[in-house]
C-alpha atoms as a PDB file:
ATOM      1  CA  MET A   1     -55.474 -54.782  13.855  1.00  0.00           C
ATOM      2  CA  ARG A   2     -51.360 -54.443  14.233  1.00  0.00           C
ATOM      3  CA  VAL A   3     -50.853 -50.775  14.721  1.00  0.00           C
ATOM      4  CA  PHE A   4     -47.378 -49.891  12.835  1.00  0.00           C
ATOM      5  CA  GLY A   5     -45.037 -47.335  14.670  1.00  0.00           C
ATOM      6  CA  ILE A   6     -42.699 -46.038  12.336  1.00  0.00           C
ATOM      7  CA  ILE A   7     -39.247 -44.541  13.480  1.00  0.00           C
ATOM      8  CA  VAL A   8     -37.374 -42.541  11.224  1.00  0.00           C
ATOM      9  CA  ASN A   9     -34.014 -40.913  10.989  1.00  0.00           C
ATOM     10  CA  PRO A  10     -34.600 -37.956   8.936  1.00  0.00           C
ATOM     11  CA  ALA A  11     -30.924 -37.321   8.530  1.00  0.00           C
ATOM     12  CA  SER A  12     -29.896 -40.870   7.477  1.00  0.00           C
ATOM     13  CA  GLY A  13     -28.987 -41.506   4.100  1.00  0.00           C
ATOM     14  CA  ALA A  14     -27.997 -38.034   3.218  1.00  0.00           C
ATOM     15  CA  GLY A  15     -31.405 -37.168   3.640  1.00  0.00           C
ATOM     16  CA  GLY A  16     -33.280 -38.925   1.524  1.00  0.00           C
ATOM     17  CA  ASN A  17     -35.470 -40.524   3.810  1.00  0.00           C
ATOM     18  CA  GLY A  18     -38.197 -38.264   2.937  1.00  0.00           C
ATOM     19  CA  ALA A  19     -38.739 -39.690  -0.106  1.00  0.00           C
ATOM     20  CA  VAL A  20     -38.486 -43.036   1.600  1.00  0.00           C
ATOM     21  CA  ILE A  21     -41.333 -43.107   4.132  1.00  0.00           C
ATOM     22  CA  GLY A  22     -43.909 -41.715   1.240  1.00  0.00           C
ATOM     23  CA  ARG A  23     -43.461 -45.243  -0.333  1.00  0.00           C
ATOM     24  CA  ILE A  24     -43.654 -47.227   2.780  1.00  0.00           C
ATOM     25  CA  LEU A  25     -46.975 -45.241   3.578  1.00  0.00           C
ATOM     26  CA  GLU A  26     -48.906 -46.319   0.465  1.00  0.00           C
ATOM     27  CA  ALA A  27     -46.834 -50.135   1.013  1.00  0.00           C
ATOM     28  CA  LEU A  28     -48.725 -49.863   4.512  1.00  0.00           C
ATOM     29  CA  ARG A  29     -51.931 -47.961   2.816  1.00  0.00           C
ATOM     30  CA  VAL A  30     -52.451 -51.042   0.170  1.00  0.00           C
ATOM     31  CA  ARG A  31     -52.240 -53.690   2.324  1.00  0.00           C
ATOM     32  CA  GLY A  32     -54.473 -52.036   4.808  1.00  0.00           C
ATOM     33  CA  LYS A  33     -52.027 -51.537   7.664  1.00  0.00           C
ATOM     34  CA  ALA A  34     -52.110 -48.664  10.810  1.00  0.00           C
ATOM     35  CA  HIS A  35     -49.844 -46.738  11.845  1.00  0.00           C
ATOM     36  CA  ARG A  36     -48.021 -43.732  13.442  1.00  0.00           C
ATOM     37  CA  MET A  37     -44.759 -41.426  13.181  1.00  0.00           C
ATOM     38  CA  TYR A  38     -41.833 -41.356  15.490  1.00  0.00           C
ATOM     39  CA  PRO A  39     -39.372 -38.987  13.788  1.00  0.00           C
ATOM     40  CA  THR A  40     -36.358 -38.430  15.300  1.00  0.00           C
ATOM     41  CA  ARG A  41     -34.710 -35.682  16.784  1.00  0.00           C
ATOM     42  CA  CYS A  42     -31.800 -35.574  17.733  1.00  0.00           C
ATOM     43  CA  GLU A  43     -28.497 -38.774  18.324  1.00  0.00           C
ATOM     44  CA  GLY A  44     -29.957 -41.516  21.009  1.00  0.00           C
ATOM     45  CA  ASP A  45     -33.501 -40.794  20.135  1.00  0.00           C
ATOM     46  CA  GLY A  46     -34.469 -43.249  18.393  1.00  0.00           C
ATOM     47  CA  ALA A  47     -34.913 -45.770  21.685  1.00  0.00           C
ATOM     48  CA  ARG A  48     -36.868 -43.276  23.628  1.00  0.00           C
ATOM     49  CA  GLN A  49     -39.422 -42.560  20.161  1.00  0.00           C
ATOM     50  CA  ALA A  50     -39.559 -47.132  19.957  1.00  0.00           C
ATOM     51  CA  LYS A  51     -40.331 -46.867  23.603  1.00  0.00           C
ATOM     52  CA  GLN A  52     -42.818 -44.359  23.315  1.00  0.00           C
ATOM     53  CA  ALA A  53     -44.428 -46.094  20.817  1.00  0.00           C
ATOM     54  CA  LEU A  54     -44.637 -49.088  22.654  1.00  0.00           C
ATOM     55  CA  ARG A  55     -46.507 -47.391  25.084  1.00  0.00           C
ATOM     56  CA  ASP A  56     -48.925 -45.897  22.077  1.00  0.00           C
ATOM     57  CA  GLY A  57     -49.890 -49.265  21.444  1.00  0.00           C
ATOM     58  CA  CYS A  58     -47.947 -50.218  18.469  1.00  0.00           C
ATOM     59  CA  THR A  59     -46.950 -54.059  18.454  1.00  0.00           C
ATOM     60  CA  ALA A  60     -44.432 -53.546  15.145  1.00  0.00           C
ATOM     61  CA  VAL A  61     -42.212 -51.095  15.128  1.00  0.00           C
ATOM     62  CA  VAL A  62     -40.256 -50.298  11.569  1.00  0.00           C
ATOM     63  CA  CYS A  63     -37.241 -48.152  11.603  1.00  0.00           C
ATOM     64  CA  VAL A  64     -36.232 -46.557   8.738  1.00  0.00           C
ATOM     65  CA  GLY A  65     -33.130 -45.033   9.258  1.00  0.00           C
ATOM     66  CA  GLY A  66     -28.848 -46.568   8.974  1.00  0.00           C
ATOM     67  CA  ASP A  67     -27.091 -49.216  11.481  1.00  0.00           C
ATOM     68  CA  GLY A  68     -26.873 -46.227  14.007  1.00  0.00           C
ATOM     69  CA  THR A  69     -30.550 -45.485  14.395  1.00  0.00           C
ATOM     70  CA  LEU A  70     -31.048 -49.048  14.421  1.00  0.00           C
ATOM     71  CA  SER A  71     -28.935 -50.150  16.957  1.00  0.00           C
ATOM     72  CA  GLU A  72     -30.514 -47.375  19.271  1.00  0.00           C
ATOM     73  CA  VAL A  73     -34.230 -48.838  18.059  1.00  0.00           C
ATOM     74  CA  VAL A  74     -33.201 -52.245  18.808  1.00  0.00           C
ATOM     75  CA  GLY A  75     -32.556 -50.939  22.769  1.00  0.00           C
ATOM     76  CA  GLY A  76     -35.768 -49.564  23.364  1.00  0.00           C
ATOM     77  CA  VAL A  77     -37.769 -52.561  21.013  1.00  0.00           C
ATOM     78  CA  ALA A  78     -35.206 -55.925  22.628  1.00  0.00           C
ATOM     79  CA  GLY A  79     -37.790 -58.121  24.785  1.00  0.00           C
ATOM     80  CA  SER A  80     -40.790 -56.551  24.294  1.00  0.00           C
ATOM     81  CA  GLY A  81     -42.761 -58.719  22.235  1.00  0.00           C
ATOM     82  CA  ALA A  82     -42.725 -56.342  19.434  1.00  0.00           C
ATOM     83  CA  VAL A  83     -41.777 -57.353  15.684  1.00  0.00           C
ATOM     84  CA  LEU A  84     -39.329 -55.233  14.571  1.00  0.00           C
ATOM     85  CA  TYR A  85     -39.235 -54.386  10.529  1.00  0.00           C
ATOM     86  CA  VAL A  86     -35.824 -52.695   9.491  1.00  0.00           C
ATOM     87  CA  ILE A  87     -36.001 -50.386   6.725  1.00  0.00           C
ATOM     88  CA  PRO A  88     -32.453 -50.077   5.069  1.00  0.00           C
ATOM     89  CA  GLY A  89     -31.524 -46.039   5.099  1.00  0.00           C
ATOM     90  CA  GLY A  90     -28.440 -45.503   5.971  1.00  0.00           C
ATOM     91  CA  THR A  91     -25.163 -45.430   4.320  1.00  0.00           C
ATOM     92  CA  GLY A  92     -23.822 -48.902   5.579  1.00  0.00           C
ATOM     93  CA  ASN A  93     -26.290 -50.721   6.133  1.00  0.00           C
ATOM     94  CA  ASP A  94     -24.744 -53.987   7.714  1.00  0.00           C
ATOM     95  CA  PHE A  95     -27.492 -55.900   9.163  1.00  0.00           C
ATOM     96  CA  ALA A  96     -29.932 -55.278   6.747  1.00  0.00           C
ATOM     97  CA  ARG A  97     -26.921 -57.123   4.194  1.00  0.00           C
ATOM     98  CA  ALA A  98     -26.439 -59.923   7.338  1.00  0.00           C
ATOM     99  CA  PHE A  99     -30.190 -59.964   7.558  1.00  0.00           C
ATOM    100  CA  GLY A 100     -30.913 -60.995   3.738  1.00  0.00           C
ATOM    101  CA  LEU A 101     -32.231 -57.605   2.830  1.00  0.00           C
ATOM    102  CA  PRO A 102     -32.793 -55.922  -0.836  1.00  0.00           C
ATOM    103  CA  ASP A 103     -30.873 -52.876  -0.841  1.00  0.00           C
ATOM    104  CA  ASP A 104     -33.942 -51.381  -1.886  1.00  0.00           C
ATOM    105  CA  PRO A 105     -35.965 -50.009   1.206  1.00  0.00           C
ATOM    106  CA  VAL A 106     -39.112 -50.281   0.259  1.00  0.00           C
ATOM    107  CA  ARG A 107     -38.339 -53.752  -1.536  1.00  0.00           C
ATOM    108  CA  ALA A 108     -36.960 -54.805   2.006  1.00  0.00           C
ATOM    109  CA  PHE A 109     -39.975 -54.175   3.459  1.00  0.00           C
ATOM    110  CA  ALA A 110     -41.915 -55.951   1.173  1.00  0.00           C
ATOM    111  CA  ALA A 111     -39.993 -58.874   1.900  1.00  0.00           C
ATOM    112  CA  GLN A 112     -40.463 -58.536   5.399  1.00  0.00           C
ATOM    113  CA  LEU A 113     -43.898 -58.278   5.367  1.00  0.00           C
ATOM    114  CA  ASP A 114     -44.537 -61.679   3.755  1.00  0.00           C
ATOM    115  CA  GLY A 115     -41.685 -63.056   5.486  1.00  0.00           C
ATOM    116  CA  GLU A 116     -41.104 -65.887   8.408  1.00  0.00           C
ATOM    117  CA  PRO A 117     -41.306 -64.808  12.216  1.00  0.00           C
ATOM    118  CA  VAL A 118     -37.856 -65.132  13.733  1.00  0.00           C
ATOM    119  CA  ARG A 119     -36.606 -64.856  16.983  1.00  0.00           C
ATOM    120  CA  VAL A 120     -33.342 -62.855  16.540  1.00  0.00           C
ATOM    121  CA  ASP A 121     -30.924 -61.974  18.844  1.00  0.00           C
ATOM    122  CA  CYS A 122     -29.271 -58.709  20.075  1.00  0.00           C
ATOM    123  CA  GLY A 123     -26.424 -58.152  22.154  1.00  0.00           C
ATOM    124  CA  SER A 124     -25.582 -55.654  24.920  1.00  0.00           C
ATOM    125  CA  VAL A 125     -22.148 -53.408  25.860  1.00  0.00           C
ATOM    126  CA  ASN A 126     -22.620 -51.686  29.364  1.00  0.00           C
ATOM    127  CA  GLY A 127     -26.570 -52.260  29.398  1.00  0.00           C
ATOM    128  CA  ARG A 128     -26.593 -50.929  26.277  1.00  0.00           C
ATOM    129  CA  ALA A 129     -28.266 -53.268  23.679  1.00  0.00           C
ATOM    130  CA  PHE A 130     -26.416 -53.814  19.941  1.00  0.00           C
ATOM    131  CA  ILE A 131     -27.748 -55.446  17.098  1.00  0.00           C
ATOM    132  CA  ASN A 132     -24.675 -56.029  14.936  1.00  0.00           C
ATOM    133  CA  VAL A 133     -20.912 -55.738  15.615  1.00  0.00           C
ATOM    134  CA  ALA A 134     -19.275 -53.822  18.150  1.00  0.00           C
ATOM    135  CA  GLY A 135     -15.322 -54.046  18.784  1.00  0.00           C
ATOM    136  CA  SER A 136     -12.280 -51.408  19.042  1.00  0.00           C
ATOM    137  CA  GLY A 137      -9.066 -51.272  16.910  1.00  0.00           C
ATOM    138  CA  PHE A 138      -8.190 -49.847  13.429  1.00  0.00           C
ATOM    139  CA  ASP A 139     -12.071 -49.775  12.250  1.00  0.00           C
ATOM    140  CA  VAL A 140     -12.799 -46.658  14.922  1.00  0.00           C
ATOM    141  CA  GLU A 141     -10.283 -44.535  13.236  1.00  0.00           C
ATOM    142  CA  VAL A 142     -12.239 -45.625   9.752  1.00  0.00           C
ATOM    143  CA  LEU A 143     -14.999 -45.118  11.407  1.00  0.00           C
ATOM    144  CA  ARG A 144     -14.114 -41.327  12.479  1.00  0.00           C
ATOM    145  CA  LYS A 145     -12.777 -40.660   8.998  1.00  0.00           C
ATOM    146  CA  THR A 146     -15.574 -41.616   7.162  1.00  0.00           C
ATOM    147  CA  GLU A 147     -17.693 -39.603   8.817  1.00  0.00           C
ATOM    148  CA  GLU A 148     -15.548 -36.633   8.625  1.00  0.00           C
ATOM    149  CA  LEU A 149     -15.889 -37.801   4.257  1.00  0.00           C
ATOM    150  CA  LYS A 150     -19.679 -38.449   4.198  1.00  0.00           C
ATOM    151  CA  ALA A 151     -19.893 -35.220   2.865  1.00  0.00           C
ATOM    152  CA  VAL A 152     -17.401 -35.522   0.234  1.00  0.00           C
ATOM    153  CA  TYR A 153     -18.253 -39.171  -0.907  1.00  0.00           C
ATOM    154  CA  PRO A 154     -21.510 -40.815  -1.419  1.00  0.00           C
ATOM    155  CA  GLY A 155     -22.439 -44.039   0.633  1.00  0.00           C
ATOM    156  CA  LYS A 156     -19.865 -46.874   0.327  1.00  0.00           C
ATOM    157  CA  MET A 157     -17.055 -44.560  -1.397  1.00  0.00           C
ATOM    158  CA  ALA A 158     -16.385 -42.819   1.932  1.00  0.00           C
ATOM    159  CA  TYR A 159     -15.864 -46.167   3.914  1.00  0.00           C
ATOM    160  CA  ARG A 160     -13.043 -47.358   0.928  1.00  0.00           C
ATOM    161  CA  LYS A 161     -11.657 -43.683   1.334  1.00  0.00           C
ATOM    162  CA  ALA A 162     -11.489 -43.546   4.909  1.00  0.00           C
ATOM    163  CA  VAL A 163      -9.737 -46.468   5.205  1.00  0.00           C
ATOM    164  CA  GLY A 164      -6.738 -44.763   3.359  1.00  0.00           C
ATOM    165  CA  GLU A 165      -6.645 -41.680   5.479  1.00  0.00           C
ATOM    166  CA  ALA A 166      -6.773 -44.084   8.635  1.00  0.00           C
ATOM    167  CA  LEU A 167      -3.089 -45.801   7.659  1.00  0.00           C
ATOM    168  CA  ARG A 168      -2.107 -42.916   8.551  1.00  0.00           C
ATOM    169  CA  HIS A 169      -2.677 -42.663  12.473  1.00  0.00           C
ATOM    170  CA  TYR A 170      -2.637 -46.613  12.768  1.00  0.00           C
ATOM    171  CA  ARG A 171      -1.822 -48.085  16.254  1.00  0.00           C
ATOM    172  CA  ALA A 172      -2.371 -51.476  17.104  1.00  0.00           C
ATOM    173  CA  LEU A 173      -4.835 -51.462  19.975  1.00  0.00           C
ATOM    174  CA  GLU A 174      -3.126 -52.764  23.852  1.00  0.00           C
ATOM    175  CA  ALA A 175      -5.817 -53.964  25.249  1.00  0.00           C
ATOM    176  CA  GLU A 176      -7.038 -57.368  27.312  1.00  0.00           C
ATOM    177  CA  LEU A 177      -9.682 -59.798  26.577  1.00  0.00           C
ATOM    178  CA  GLU A 178     -11.352 -61.893  28.643  1.00  0.00           C
ATOM    179  CA  ILE A 179     -13.563 -64.627  27.240  1.00  0.00           C
ATOM    180  CA  ASP A 180     -17.038 -65.922  29.382  1.00  0.00           C
ATOM    181  CA  GLY A 181     -14.949 -65.876  32.386  1.00  0.00           C
ATOM    182  CA  GLY A 182     -12.208 -67.433  31.003  1.00  0.00           C
ATOM    183  CA  ALA A 183      -7.993 -66.559  31.661  1.00  0.00           C
ATOM    184  CA  PRO A 184      -7.307 -62.800  30.067  1.00  0.00           C
ATOM    185  CA  MET A 185      -5.651 -62.418  26.937  1.00  0.00           C
ATOM    186  CA  ARG A 186      -2.606 -58.969  26.552  1.00  0.00           C
ATOM    187  CA  GLY A 187      -1.485 -58.152  23.977  1.00  0.00           C
ATOM    188  CA  PRO A 188      -1.361 -55.595  20.590  1.00  0.00           C
ATOM    189  CA  ALA A 189      -4.584 -56.314  17.943  1.00  0.00           C
ATOM    190  CA  THR A 190      -5.629 -54.650  15.159  1.00  0.00           C
ATOM    191  CA  ILE A 191      -9.294 -55.085  15.494  1.00  0.00           C
ATOM    192  CA  VAL A 192     -11.295 -56.992  18.000  1.00  0.00           C
ATOM    193  CA  GLU A 193     -14.618 -57.337  17.376  1.00  0.00           C
ATOM    194  CA  ILE A 194     -17.553 -59.163  18.931  1.00  0.00           C
ATOM    195  CA  ALA A 195     -20.263 -59.713  16.317  1.00  0.00           C
ATOM    196  CA  ASN A 196     -23.891 -61.064  16.050  1.00  0.00           C
ATOM    197  CA  GLY A 197     -23.735 -59.907  12.322  1.00  0.00           C
ATOM    198  CA  GLN A 198     -21.186 -60.669   9.823  1.00  0.00           C
ATOM    199  CA  TYR A 199     -20.196 -57.073   8.062  1.00  0.00           C
ATOM    200  CA  ILE A 200     -19.319 -53.229   9.258  1.00  0.00           C
ATOM    201  CA  GLY A 201     -17.638 -51.034   6.838  1.00  0.00           C
ATOM    202  CA  GLY A 202     -20.842 -50.749   4.350  1.00  0.00           C
ATOM    203  CA  GLY A 203     -20.205 -54.687   3.440  1.00  0.00           C
ATOM    204  CA  MET A 204     -16.154 -55.898   4.787  1.00  0.00           C
ATOM    205  CA  ARG A 205     -17.105 -59.229   6.106  1.00  0.00           C
ATOM    206  CA  VAL A 206     -15.390 -59.153   9.503  1.00  0.00           C
ATOM    207  CA  ALA A 207     -16.801 -62.412  10.935  1.00  0.00           C
ATOM    208  CA  PRO A 208     -18.324 -64.471   8.210  1.00  0.00           C
ATOM    209  CA  GLY A 209     -19.236 -67.379  10.739  1.00  0.00           C
ATOM    210  CA  ALA A 210     -21.890 -65.075  12.604  1.00  0.00           C
ATOM    211  CA  MET A 211     -25.232 -65.892  12.657  1.00  0.00           C
ATOM    212  CA  LEU A 212     -28.047 -64.159  13.789  1.00  0.00           C
ATOM    213  CA  HIS A 213     -30.281 -66.592  15.762  1.00  0.00           C
ATOM    214  CA  ASP A 214     -27.260 -69.141  17.292  1.00  0.00           C
ATOM    215  CA  GLY A 215     -27.285 -67.354  20.771  1.00  0.00           C
ATOM    216  CA  LEU A 216     -23.793 -66.573  20.706  1.00  0.00           C
ATOM    217  CA  PHE A 217     -21.216 -64.012  19.662  1.00  0.00           C
ATOM    218  CA  ASP A 218     -17.858 -64.533  17.195  1.00  0.00           C
ATOM    219  CA  VAL A 219     -15.612 -63.198  18.790  1.00  0.00           C
ATOM    220  CA  VAL A 220     -12.556 -62.152  16.312  1.00  0.00           C
ATOM    221  CA  ILE A 221      -9.246 -61.274  16.947  1.00  0.00           C
ATOM    222  CA  VAL A 222      -6.245 -59.524  14.564  1.00  0.00           C
ATOM    223  CA  ARG A 223      -3.277 -59.194  16.039  1.00  0.00           C
ATOM    224  CA  ARG A 224      -0.952 -56.536  15.084  1.00  0.00           C
ATOM    225  CA  VAL A 225      -0.244 -55.994  11.664  1.00  0.00           C
ATOM    226  CA  PRO A 226       2.299 -53.949   9.916  1.00  0.00           C
ATOM    227  CA  ARG A 227       0.948 -50.625   8.742  1.00  0.00           C
ATOM    228  CA  VAL A 228       2.394 -51.817   4.942  1.00  0.00           C
ATOM    229  CA  LEU A 229       0.639 -54.501   4.932  1.00  0.00           C
ATOM    230  CA  ILE A 230      -2.888 -53.256   5.847  1.00  0.00           C
ATOM    231  CA  PRO A 231      -3.820 -52.247   1.843  1.00  0.00           C
ATOM    232  CA  MET A 232      -2.753 -55.976   1.035  1.00  0.00           C
ATOM    233  CA  LEU A 233      -4.711 -57.933   3.466  1.00  0.00           C
ATOM    234  CA  LEU A 234      -7.897 -55.598   2.925  1.00  0.00           C
ATOM    235  CA  PRO A 235      -9.534 -57.633   0.254  1.00  0.00           C
ATOM    236  CA  LEU A 236      -9.595 -60.943   2.368  1.00  0.00           C
ATOM    237  CA  PHE A 237     -11.080 -58.718   5.171  1.00  0.00           C
ATOM    238  CA  ILE A 238     -13.636 -57.582   2.733  1.00  0.00           C
ATOM    239  CA  LEU A 239     -14.152 -61.106   1.078  1.00  0.00           C
ATOM    240  CA  GLY A 240     -14.087 -62.772   4.815  1.00  0.00           C
ATOM    241  CA  VAL A 241     -10.946 -65.223   4.473  1.00  0.00           C
ATOM    242  CA  HIS A 242      -8.985 -62.998   6.766  1.00  0.00           C
ATOM    243  CA  VAL A 243     -10.221 -65.195   9.101  1.00  0.00           C
ATOM    244  CA  TYR A 244      -7.955 -68.483   7.971  1.00  0.00           C
ATOM    245  CA  LEU A 245      -5.094 -66.351   8.255  1.00  0.00           C
ATOM    246  CA  PRO A 246      -2.379 -67.757  11.036  1.00  0.00           C
ATOM    247  CA  VAL A 247      -2.889 -63.268  12.159  1.00  0.00           C
ATOM    248  CA  ALA A 248      -6.788 -63.888  13.029  1.00  0.00           C
ATOM    249  CA  ARG A 249      -8.255 -65.842  15.891  1.00  0.00           C
ATOM    250  CA  VAL A 250     -12.279 -66.455  16.216  1.00  0.00           C
ATOM    251  CA  ARG A 251     -13.823 -68.005  19.413  1.00  0.00           C
ATOM    252  CA  ARG A 252     -18.044 -68.094  19.619  1.00  0.00           C
ATOM    253  CA  ALA A 253     -18.859 -66.438  23.175  1.00  0.00           C
ATOM    254  CA  ARG A 254     -21.352 -65.907  25.628  1.00  0.00           C
ATOM    255  CA  GLN A 255     -19.627 -63.458  27.595  1.00  0.00           C
ATOM    256  CA  VAL A 256     -16.798 -61.006  26.727  1.00  0.00           C
ATOM    257  CA  THR A 257     -14.751 -58.614  28.655  1.00  0.00           C
ATOM    258  CA  LEU A 258     -12.505 -56.308  26.806  1.00  0.00           C
ATOM    259  CA  ARG A 259     -10.118 -53.961  28.679  1.00  0.00           C
ATOM    260  CA  ALA A 260      -7.785 -50.547  27.492  1.00  0.00           C
ATOM    261  CA  PRO A 261      -7.174 -47.441  29.123  1.00  0.00           C
ATOM    262  CA  GLY A 262      -9.234 -44.698  27.326  1.00  0.00           C
ATOM    263  CA  MET A 263     -10.100 -46.935  24.043  1.00  0.00           C
ATOM    264  CA  VAL A 264     -13.029 -46.087  22.055  1.00  0.00           C
ATOM    265  CA  VAL A 265     -15.631 -48.437  21.246  1.00  0.00           C
ATOM    266  CA  ASN A 266     -17.506 -48.823  17.993  1.00  0.00           C
ATOM    267  CA  ILE A 267     -20.993 -50.102  18.902  1.00  0.00           C
ATOM    268  CA  ASP A 268     -22.775 -50.543  15.128  1.00  0.00           C
ATOM    269  CA  GLY A 269     -21.321 -47.890  13.827  1.00  0.00           C
ATOM    270  CA  ARG A 270     -21.576 -45.146  17.204  1.00  0.00           C
ATOM    271  CA  LEU A 271     -17.974 -44.531  18.605  1.00  0.00           C
ATOM    272  CA  GLU A 272     -18.330 -44.251  22.785  1.00  0.00           C
ATOM    273  CA  ARG A 273     -15.053 -44.058  24.977  1.00  0.00           C
ATOM    274  CA  MET A 274     -14.884 -46.094  27.335  1.00  0.00           C
ATOM    275  CA  ASP A 275     -11.963 -48.434  29.598  1.00  0.00           C
ATOM    276  CA  GLU A 276     -13.563 -51.427  29.993  1.00  0.00           C
ATOM    277  CA  ALA A 277     -16.610 -53.162  27.679  1.00  0.00           C
ATOM    278  CA  ARG A 278     -19.045 -55.681  28.976  1.00  0.00           C
ATOM    279  CA  PHE A 279     -20.843 -57.059  25.925  1.00  0.00           C
ATOM    280  CA  ALA A 280     -23.245 -59.920  26.991  1.00  0.00           C
ATOM    281  CA  VAL A 281     -25.694 -61.696  24.491  1.00  0.00           C
ATOM    282  CA  MET A 282     -29.035 -61.471  24.395  1.00  0.00           C
ATOM    283  CA  PRO A 283     -30.301 -64.895  22.885  1.00  0.00           C
ATOM    284  CA  GLY A 284     -34.184 -64.392  20.649  1.00  0.00           C
ATOM    285  CA  ALA A 285     -34.546 -61.001  22.169  1.00  0.00           C
ATOM    286  CA  LEU A 286     -36.131 -59.262  18.741  1.00  0.00           C
ATOM    287  CA  ASN A 287     -38.935 -60.514  16.765  1.00  0.00           C
ATOM    288  CA  MET A 288     -38.281 -60.184  13.203  1.00  0.00           C
ATOM    289  CA  MET A 289     -40.322 -61.493   9.880  1.00  0.00           C
ATOM    290  CA  ARG A 290     -37.007 -63.243   8.016  1.00  0.00           C
ATOM    291  CA  PRO A 291     -37.361 -62.947   4.134  1.00  0.00           C
ATOM    292  CA  GLN A 292     -38.151 -65.458   2.021  1.00  0.00           C
ATOM    293  CA  ARG A 293     -35.312 -67.500   0.155  1.00  0.00           C
ATOM    294  CA  SER A 294     -36.832 -65.910  -3.122  1.00  0.00           C
ATOM    295  CA  ALA A 295     -36.151 -62.070  -1.399  1.00  0.00           C
ATOM    296  CA  GLN A 296     -33.029 -63.364   0.184  1.00  0.00           C
ATOM    297  CA  LYS A 297     -31.263 -64.633  -3.715  1.00  0.00           C
ATOM    298  CA  ALA A 298     -33.352 -61.593  -4.918  1.00  0.00           C
ATOM    299  CA  ALA A 299     -30.690 -59.109  -2.619  1.00  0.00           C
ATOM    300  CA  SER A 300     -27.276 -60.959  -2.675  1.00  0.00           C
END
């Protein structure tokens, strides 16, 4: 019998995941599925708990939380052969959106339980796994401000408000970028994103062509944009049509190196400071259950 190890971040989604867990457990009970609980207690605990679940004999790992918790859990599950289930329970839930899951956590879980097996890529940056998008630039300052505003504004509104705040401190990223061992590219950029999924910031479609199972990153580079133009370009960024502008460029790659002294890198919504970020794609490293098309349409 498949045993489900449930990794839950009680702090995600403004602490509302307690009620979600009750509904998830009921869904498992109705289907006659065994489970064990593994709550996270601190940042970085997701990977440790996921590995513990595997040691305890769990053959499926259920992540209840946001993109940050999911990123940690992926670090413990990638390459293990266990099946990963994603329950959107955070603020942005950008990977769940890219994967075609409904917003409602229980409907998202049911869609995967009734789904079809699929192998999904993930990435690594300096050896640490991530599943959605990593990079640097303007989005880093937006994320910093979002964390400050979460206590005031609910959900996606915090992201929108943070953009205006971040504009006050905007400076282009001076970086060196190397793609698949090619000649380094140097110069100022508004953003440089290494994307496995399509979305960041609660639904901004940063990499509209990215696919989760093609064995490649979409590297999105937006050259330096004057501060006054960013608010006008933001709607295009949300829709994903910014990639057609002259200031933007998209490359497909298996390996990417980004260098900038003292830069801060966004890794699935978590910020880390480093001088050099080495990215590598991990093709098909995750076993997941893809929602059938009817469930994906209901999510859109």
